[in-house]
C-alpha atoms as a PDB file:
ATOM      1  CA  UNK A   1      20.354  10.605 -20.453  1.00  0.00           C
ATOM      2  CA  UNK A   2      17.848  11.286 -17.495  1.00  0.00           C
ATOM      3  CA  UNK A   3      19.965  12.897 -14.446  1.00  0.00           C
ATOM      4  CA  UNK A   4      20.184  10.074 -11.679  1.00  0.00           C
ATOM      5  CA  UNK A   5      17.782  10.968  -8.614  1.00  0.00           C
ATOM      6  CA  UNK A   6      14.619  10.227 -10.874  1.00  0.00           C
ATOM      7  CA  UNK A   7      15.917   6.661 -10.806  1.00  0.00           C
ATOM      8  CA  UNK A   8      16.643   6.930  -7.329  1.00  0.00           C
ATOM      9  CA  UNK A   9      13.261   9.021  -6.818  1.00  0.00           C
ATOM     10  CA  UNK A  10      10.987   5.423  -8.734  1.00  0.00           C
ATOM     11  CA  UNK A  11      13.073   3.204  -7.121  1.00  0.00           C
ATOM     12  CA  UNK A  12      12.672   4.728  -3.244  1.00  0.00           C
ATOM     13  CA  UNK A  13       8.960   4.949  -4.631  1.00  0.00           C
ATOM     14  CA  UNK A  14       8.244   1.274  -5.805  1.00  0.00           C
ATOM     15  CA  UNK A  15      10.350  -0.320  -2.490  1.00  0.00           C
ATOM     16  CA  UNK A  16       8.130   2.396   0.199  1.00  0.00           C
ATOM     17  CA  UNK A  17       4.925   0.937  -1.771  1.00  0.00           C
ATOM     18  CA  UNK A  18       5.955  -2.483  -1.762  1.00  0.00           C
ATOM     19  CA  UNK A  19       6.539  -2.231   2.121  1.00  0.00           C
ATOM     20  CA  UNK A  20       2.955  -0.585   2.436  1.00  0.00           C
ATOM     21  CA  UNK A  21       4.518   2.483   3.698  1.00  0.00           C
ATOM     22  CA  UNK A  22       3.425   6.100   3.582  1.00  0.00           C
ATOM     23  CA  UNK A  23       5.781   8.866   2.580  1.00  0.00           C
ATOM     24  CA  UNK A  24       4.772  10.329   6.433  1.00  0.00           C
ATOM     25  CA  UNK A  25       5.610   6.938   7.530  1.00  0.00           C
ATOM     26  CA  UNK A  26       9.201   6.302   5.996  1.00  0.00           C
ATOM     27  CA  UNK A  27       9.700  10.907   6.625  1.00  0.00           C
ATOM     28  CA  UNK A  28       9.183   9.854  10.358  1.00  0.00           C
ATOM     29  CA  UNK A  29      11.236   6.509  10.234  1.00  0.00           C
ATOM     30  CA  UNK A  30      14.493   8.928   9.614  1.00  0.00           C
ATOM     31  CA  UNK A  31      13.047  11.931  10.849  1.00  0.00           C
ATOM     32  CA  UNK A  32      12.870  14.380   7.764  1.00  0.00           C
ATOM     33  CA  UNK A  33       9.576  16.135   7.095  1.00  0.00           C
ATOM     34  CA  UNK A  34       7.412  14.458   3.992  1.00  0.00           C
ATOM     35  CA  UNK A  35       7.950  17.044   1.743  1.00  0.00           C
ATOM     36  CA  UNK A  36      12.060  15.437   1.513  1.00  0.00           C
ATOM     37  CA  UNK A  37      10.399  12.025   0.589  1.00  0.00           C
ATOM     38  CA  UNK A  38       8.077  13.425  -1.724  1.00  0.00           C
ATOM     39  CA  UNK A  39      10.899  15.776  -3.393  1.00  0.00           C
ATOM     40  CA  UNK A  40      13.022  12.250  -3.016  1.00  0.00           C
ATOM     41  CA  UNK A  41      10.136  10.407  -5.516  1.00  0.00           C
ATOM     42  CA  UNK A  42       9.596  13.001  -7.859  1.00  0.00           C
ATOM     43  CA  UNK A  43      13.638  13.778  -8.632  1.00  0.00           C
ATOM     44  CA  UNK A  44      13.196  17.553  -7.326  1.00  0.00           C
ATOM     45  CA  UNK A  45      16.398  16.370  -5.699  1.00  0.00           C
ATOM     46  CA  UNK A  46      17.959  13.317  -4.955  1.00  0.00           C
ATOM     47  CA  UNK A  47      18.947  11.897  -0.543  1.00  0.00           C
ATOM     48  CA  UNK A  48      22.323  13.434   0.391  1.00  0.00           C
ATOM     49  CA  UNK A  49      24.539  10.316   1.272  1.00  0.00           C
ATOM     50  CA  UNK A  50      23.539  10.449   4.746  1.00  0.00           C
ATOM     51  CA  UNK A  51      20.194   9.544   3.979  1.00  0.00           C
ATOM     52  CA  UNK A  52      20.607   7.421   1.065  1.00  0.00           C
ATOM     53  CA  UNK A  53      22.359   4.909   3.692  1.00  0.00           C
ATOM     54  CA  UNK A  54      19.277   5.522   6.217  1.00  0.00           C
ATOM     55  CA  UNK A  55      16.592   4.903   2.930  1.00  0.00           C
ATOM     56  CA  UNK A  56      18.573   1.201   2.532  1.00  0.00           C
ATOM     57  CA  UNK A  57      18.407   0.603   5.632  1.00  0.00           C
ATOM     58  CA  UNK A  58      14.694   1.754   6.857  1.00  0.00           C
ATOM     59  CA  UNK A  59      13.150   0.160   3.287  1.00  0.00           C
ATOM     60  CA  UNK A  60      15.607  -2.818   4.082  1.00  0.00           C
ATOM     61  CA  UNK A  61      17.433  -2.676   1.033  1.00  0.00           C
ATOM     62  CA  UNK A  62      21.026  -2.620  -0.210  1.00  0.00           C
ATOM     63  CA  UNK A  63      21.997   0.779  -1.163  1.00  0.00           C
ATOM     64  CA  UNK A  64      23.546  -0.444  -4.275  1.00  0.00           C
ATOM     65  CA  UNK A  65      20.601  -1.551  -5.745  1.00  0.00           C
ATOM     66  CA  UNK A  66      18.503   1.749  -4.582  1.00  0.00           C
ATOM     67  CA  UNK A  67      20.647   3.975  -5.140  1.00  0.00           C
ATOM     68  CA  UNK A  68      22.422   2.150  -8.949  1.00  0.00           C
ATOM     69  CA  UNK A  69      25.251   4.201 -10.223  1.00  0.00           C
ATOM     70  CA  UNK A  70      25.665   4.648 -14.093  1.00  0.00           C
ATOM     71  CA  UNK A  71      26.673   2.217 -16.329  1.00  0.00           C
ATOM     72  CA  UNK A  72      30.300   2.993 -17.983  1.00  0.00           C
ATOM     73  CA  UNK A  73      30.817   3.015 -21.482  1.00  0.00           C
ATOM     74  CA  UNK A  74      33.395   1.261 -22.476  1.00  0.00           C
ATOM     75  CA  UNK A  75      35.348   2.483 -25.633  1.00  0.00           C
END
């Protein structure tokens, strides 16, 4: 199974593009550089909890939808 940061990155990119924001525009909204947004989107790293909340607000989406947890296997 791939790390969650890759799924989260796809979710961030998809939502950002749906809102017709550039990486630079999103970065400016969050007070980070464009490289941070790029890194999140490609899964190089995941956003900290602080930025997860800020991303959800900036992208106007519930944080649980943007950053879903893995489903737990039931034994």
